[in-house]
Amino acid sequence: MKRYEHSVHSVEETLEFAFQLGEKLKENDVIALEGDLGAGKTTFTKGLAKGLGITRTINSPTFTIVKEYQGRLSLYHMDVYRLEDTLEDLGFDEYFEGDGVTVIEWAYLIQPQLPRELLWIYLYHQGETERKIVLEPVGERYEQLCKEIMGK
């Protein structure tokens, strides 16, 4: 699996990179978002949302599991951190196959329920404001998306 790496040096650069990705997202795209606490998962999602034409304030769905937003496409923003100890099927496939884009924070916790093809995005601290963003596409659609966004 090919990996694409990009470094950002500020919150604004994170938002801009995510915005550019959000502009290219299509119906049924699934983003699995990973990173340590405070690495910028929700900030990244805010940029994606802006790229989808969403104007509402985006915040973490930690206590509700899923928040929905409307823009050019619907955004289903999930935080599955609190589902760590459950293996039951909670109907996530309805979102994955719905009419929008799904972003899942802590996606590894529901890995058996994830679609076969998706885009993994990892955010790593590299300093106080610097982050390394690693994209790992699974499937041709996401490979092409990474090539477009990374200019390769």
C-alpha atoms as a PDB file:
ATOM      1  CA  MET A   1       0.000   0.000   0.000  1.00  0.00           C
ATOM      2  CA  LYS A   2       1.377   3.365  -1.021  1.00  0.00           C
ATOM      3  CA  ARG A   3       1.712   6.128   1.563  1.00  0.00           C
ATOM      4  CA  TYR A   4       1.642   9.843   0.894  1.00  0.00           C
ATOM      5  CA  GLU A   5       3.146  12.229   3.447  1.00  0.00           C
ATOM      6  CA  HIS A   6       2.620  15.954   3.867  1.00  0.00           C
ATOM      7  CA  SER A   7       3.837  18.295   6.626  1.00  0.00           C
ATOM      8  CA  VAL A   8       1.903  21.311   7.861  1.00  0.00           C
ATOM      9  CA  HIS A   9       3.245  23.996  10.170  1.00  0.00           C
ATOM     10  CA  SER A  10       0.082  25.604  11.513  1.00  0.00           C
ATOM     11  CA  VAL A  11      -3.611  25.085  12.122  1.00  0.00           C
ATOM     12  CA  GLU A  12      -4.275  27.200   9.018  1.00  0.00           C
ATOM     13  CA  GLU A  13      -2.143  24.900   6.835  1.00  0.00           C
ATOM     14  CA  THR A  14      -3.977  21.868   8.248  1.00  0.00           C
ATOM     15  CA  LEU A  15      -7.325  23.479   7.432  1.00  0.00           C
ATOM     16  CA  GLU A  16      -6.166  24.392   3.912  1.00  0.00           C
ATOM     17  CA  PHE A  17      -4.852  20.893   3.127  1.00  0.00           C
ATOM     18  CA  ALA A  18      -8.087  19.332   4.392  1.00  0.00           C
ATOM     19  CA  PHE A  19     -10.145  21.923   2.458  1.00  0.00           C
ATOM     20  CA  GLN A  20      -8.405  20.949  -0.785  1.00  0.00           C
ATOM     21  CA  LEU A  21      -9.157  17.289  -0.088  1.00  0.00           C
ATOM     22  CA  GLY A  22     -12.764  18.096   0.815  1.00  0.00           C
ATOM     23  CA  GLU A  23     -13.290  19.828  -2.530  1.00  0.00           C
ATOM     24  CA  LYS A  24     -12.427  16.559  -4.307  1.00  0.00           C
ATOM     25  CA  LEU A  25     -14.546  14.211  -2.203  1.00  0.00           C
ATOM     26  CA  LYS A  26     -17.506  12.396  -3.746  1.00  0.00           C
ATOM     27  CA  GLU A  27     -20.611  10.630  -2.531  1.00  0.00           C
ATOM     28  CA  ASN A  28     -19.819   7.443  -0.548  1.00  0.00           C
ATOM     29  CA  ASP A  29     -16.211   8.454   0.201  1.00  0.00           C
ATOM     30  CA  VAL A  30     -15.036   7.190   3.580  1.00  0.00           C
ATOM     31  CA  ILE A  31     -12.166   8.744   5.534  1.00  0.00           C
ATOM     32  CA  ALA A  32     -10.698   6.861   8.506  1.00  0.00           C
ATOM     33  CA  LEU A  33      -9.008   9.506  10.653  1.00  0.00           C
ATOM     34  CA  GLU A  34      -6.386   8.521  13.208  1.00  0.00           C
ATOM     35  CA  GLY A  35      -4.065  10.442  15.500  1.00  0.00           C
ATOM     36  CA  ASP A  36      -3.198  11.047  19.122  1.00  0.00           C
ATOM     37  CA  LEU A  37      -5.369  13.248  21.311  1.00  0.00           C
ATOM     38  CA  GLY A  38      -4.818  16.830  20.232  1.00  0.00           C
ATOM     39  CA  ALA A  39      -3.215  15.883  16.916  1.00  0.00           C
ATOM     40  CA  GLY A  40      -5.887  17.753  14.962  1.00  0.00           C
ATOM     41  CA  LYS A  41      -8.517  15.208  13.876  1.00  0.00           C
ATOM     42  CA  THR A  42     -11.421  17.577  14.465  1.00  0.00           C
ATOM     43  CA  THR A  43      -9.489  20.504  12.970  1.00  0.00           C
ATOM     44  CA  PHE A  44      -8.840  18.375   9.887  1.00  0.00           C
ATOM     45  CA  THR A  45     -12.551  17.548   9.697  1.00  0.00           C
ATOM     46  CA  LYS A  46     -13.378  21.269   9.863  1.00  0.00           C
ATOM     47  CA  GLY A  47     -11.246  21.826   6.764  1.00  0.00           C
ATOM     48  CA  LEU A  48     -12.871  18.895   4.954  1.00  0.00           C
ATOM     49  CA  ALA A  49     -16.299  20.285   5.824  1.00  0.00           C
ATOM     50  CA  LYS A  50     -15.402  23.686   4.406  1.00  0.00           C
ATOM     51  CA  GLY A  51     -14.289  21.953   1.196  1.00  0.00           C
ATOM     52  CA  LEU A  52     -17.715  20.291   1.092  1.00  0.00           C
ATOM     53  CA  GLY A  53     -19.381  23.711   1.321  1.00  0.00           C
ATOM     54  CA  ILE A  54     -20.528  23.286   4.917  1.00  0.00           C
ATOM     55  CA  THR A  55     -20.838  26.548   6.804  1.00  0.00           C
ATOM     56  CA  ARG A  56     -22.006  25.253  10.206  1.00  0.00           C
ATOM     57  CA  THR A  57     -19.535  24.989  13.067  1.00  0.00           C
ATOM     58  CA  ILE A  58     -17.968  21.535  13.235  1.00  0.00           C
ATOM     59  CA  ASN A  59     -17.176  20.044  16.630  1.00  0.00           C
ATOM     60  CA  SER A  60     -16.322  16.586  17.856  1.00  0.00           C
ATOM     61  CA  PRO A  61     -19.231  14.144  18.115  1.00  0.00           C
ATOM     62  CA  THR A  62     -17.601  12.445  21.119  1.00  0.00           C
ATOM     63  CA  PHE A  63     -20.808  12.054  23.114  1.00  0.00           C
ATOM     64  CA  THR A  64     -23.255  11.598  20.219  1.00  0.00           C
ATOM     65  CA  ILE A  65     -21.102   9.267  18.061  1.00  0.00           C
ATOM     66  CA  VAL A  66     -22.413  10.788  14.778  1.00  0.00           C
ATOM     67  CA  LYS A  67     -23.105  14.372  13.728  1.00  0.00           C
ATOM     68  CA  GLU A  68     -24.559  15.193  10.324  1.00  0.00           C
ATOM     69  CA  TYR A  69     -23.927  18.370   8.339  1.00  0.00           C
ATOM     70  CA  GLN A  70     -25.308  19.551   5.003  1.00  0.00           C
ATOM     71  CA  GLY A  71     -23.268  21.106   2.200  1.00  0.00           C
ATOM     72  CA  ARG A  72     -22.482  20.172  -1.396  1.00  0.00           C
ATOM     73  CA  LEU A  73     -22.642  16.652   0.041  1.00  0.00           C
ATOM     74  CA  SER A  74     -23.742  15.478   3.463  1.00  0.00           C
ATOM     75  CA  LEU A  75     -20.963  14.967   5.994  1.00  0.00           C
ATOM     76  CA  TYR A  76     -21.319  12.193   8.548  1.00  0.00           C
ATOM     77  CA  HIS A  77     -18.748  12.947  11.235  1.00  0.00           C
ATOM     78  CA  MET A  78     -18.230  10.020  13.611  1.00  0.00           C
ATOM     79  CA  ASP A  79     -16.190   9.668  16.762  1.00  0.00           C
ATOM     80  CA  VAL A  80     -16.185   6.006  17.762  1.00  0.00           C
ATOM     81  CA  TYR A  81     -13.730   6.316  20.654  1.00  0.00           C
ATOM     82  CA  ARG A  82     -16.408   5.368  23.193  1.00  0.00           C
ATOM     83  CA  LEU A  83     -17.270   2.209  21.242  1.00  0.00           C
ATOM     84  CA  GLU A  84     -13.969   0.522  22.010  1.00  0.00           C
ATOM     85  CA  ASP A  85     -15.537  -2.332  23.965  1.00  0.00           C
ATOM     86  CA  THR A  86     -18.507  -3.030  21.688  1.00  0.00           C
ATOM     87  CA  LEU A  87     -18.465  -5.319  18.683  1.00  0.00           C
ATOM     88  CA  GLU A  88     -22.152  -5.036  17.812  1.00  0.00           C
ATOM     89  CA  ASP A  89     -23.169  -3.805  14.388  1.00  0.00           C
ATOM     90  CA  LEU A  90     -24.478  -0.269  14.831  1.00  0.00           C
ATOM     91  CA  GLY A  91     -25.545   0.241  11.209  1.00  0.00           C
ATOM     92  CA  PHE A  92     -22.519   2.232  10.078  1.00  0.00           C
ATOM     93  CA  ASP A  93     -22.858   0.809   6.577  1.00  0.00           C
ATOM     94  CA  GLU A  94     -25.988   2.965   6.123  1.00  0.00           C
ATOM     95  CA  TYR A  95     -23.710   5.998   6.388  1.00  0.00           C
ATOM     96  CA  PHE A  96     -20.907   4.498   4.297  1.00  0.00           C
ATOM     97  CA  GLU A  97     -23.362   3.740   1.487  1.00  0.00           C
ATOM     98  CA  GLY A  98     -25.437   6.903   1.977  1.00  0.00           C
ATOM     99  CA  ASP A  99     -25.498  10.103  -0.037  1.00  0.00           C
ATOM    100  CA  GLY A 100     -22.543  11.783   1.598  1.00  0.00           C
ATOM    101  CA  VAL A 101     -18.996  11.576   2.915  1.00  0.00           C
ATOM    102  CA  THR A 102     -18.177   9.765   6.157  1.00  0.00           C
ATOM    103  CA  VAL A 103     -15.287  10.792   8.406  1.00  0.00           C
ATOM    104  CA  ILE A 104     -14.536   8.439  11.301  1.00  0.00           C
ATOM    105  CA  GLU A 105     -12.274   9.475  14.157  1.00  0.00           C
ATOM    106  CA  TRP A 106     -10.622   6.481  15.912  1.00  0.00           C
ATOM    107  CA  ALA A 107     -11.719   4.260  13.006  1.00  0.00           C
ATOM    108  CA  TYR A 108      -9.428   1.382  13.979  1.00  0.00           C
ATOM    109  CA  LEU A 109     -11.874   0.616  16.809  1.00  0.00           C
ATOM    110  CA  ILE A 110     -14.556  -0.457  14.308  1.00  0.00           C
ATOM    111  CA  GLN A 111     -12.233  -1.834  11.646  1.00  0.00           C
ATOM    112  CA  PRO A 112     -14.299  -5.010  11.023  1.00  0.00           C
ATOM    113  CA  GLN A 113     -17.282  -2.792  10.119  1.00  0.00           C
ATOM    114  CA  LEU A 114     -15.391  -0.478   7.738  1.00  0.00           C
ATOM    115  CA  PRO A 115     -15.814  -0.723   3.969  1.00  0.00           C
ATOM    116  CA  ARG A 116     -13.101  -2.554   2.026  1.00  0.00           C
ATOM    117  CA  GLU A 117     -12.051   0.622   0.226  1.00  0.00           C
ATOM    118  CA  LEU A 118     -11.396   3.874   2.073  1.00  0.00           C
ATOM    119  CA  LEU A 119      -8.769   6.489   2.809  1.00  0.00           C
ATOM    120  CA  TRP A 120      -6.804   6.225   6.050  1.00  0.00           C
ATOM    121  CA  ILE A 121      -5.417   9.542   7.279  1.00  0.00           C
ATOM    122  CA  TYR A 122      -2.963   9.664  10.167  1.00  0.00           C
ATOM    123  CA  LEU A 123      -2.016  12.880  11.964  1.00  0.00           C
ATOM    124  CA  TYR A 124       1.254  12.933  13.925  1.00  0.00           C
ATOM    125  CA  HIS A 125       2.651  15.618  16.232  1.00  0.00           C
ATOM    126  CA  GLN A 126       5.997  16.968  15.002  1.00  0.00           C
ATOM    127  CA  GLY A 127       6.218  19.966  17.269  1.00  0.00           C
ATOM    128  CA  GLU A 128       3.900  22.427  18.936  1.00  0.00           C
ATOM    129  CA  THR A 129       2.049  23.365  15.745  1.00  0.00           C
ATOM    130  CA  GLU A 130       3.681  21.150  13.116  1.00  0.00           C
ATOM    131  CA  ARG A 131       1.944  17.944  12.031  1.00  0.00           C
ATOM    132  CA  LYS A 132       2.783  15.169   9.625  1.00  0.00           C
ATOM    133  CA  ILE A 133      -0.243  14.006   7.643  1.00  0.00           C
ATOM    134  CA  VAL A 134       0.007  10.499   6.199  1.00  0.00           C
ATOM    135  CA  LEU A 135      -2.508   9.317   3.619  1.00  0.00           C
ATOM    136  CA  GLU A 136      -2.932   5.574   2.998  1.00  0.00           C
ATOM    137  CA  PRO A 137      -5.395   4.857   0.199  1.00  0.00           C
ATOM    138  CA  VAL A 138      -7.144   1.493  -0.002  1.00  0.00           C
ATOM    139  CA  GLY A 139      -8.656   1.082  -3.464  1.00  0.00           C
ATOM    140  CA  GLU A 140      -8.250   2.724  -6.845  1.00  0.00           C
ATOM    141  CA  ARG A 141     -10.639   5.620  -6.104  1.00  0.00           C
ATOM    142  CA  TYR A 142      -8.567   6.670  -3.099  1.00  0.00           C
ATOM    143  CA  GLU A 143      -5.251   6.099  -4.856  1.00  0.00           C
ATOM    144  CA  GLN A 144      -6.362   8.540  -7.588  1.00  0.00           C
ATOM    145  CA  LEU A 145      -7.615  10.988  -4.963  1.00  0.00           C
ATOM    146  CA  CYS A 146      -4.224  10.959  -3.228  1.00  0.00           C
ATOM    147  CA  LYS A 147      -2.393  11.510  -6.494  1.00  0.00           C
ATOM    148  CA  GLU A 148      -4.633  14.501  -7.228  1.00  0.00           C
ATOM    149  CA  ILE A 149      -4.280  16.074  -3.799  1.00  0.00           C
ATOM    150  CA  MET A 150      -0.536  15.445  -3.567  1.00  0.00           C
ATOM    151  CA  GLY A 151       0.143  16.504  -7.157  1.00  0.00           C
ATOM    152  CA  LYS A 152       1.839  13.190  -8.061  1.00  0.00           C
END
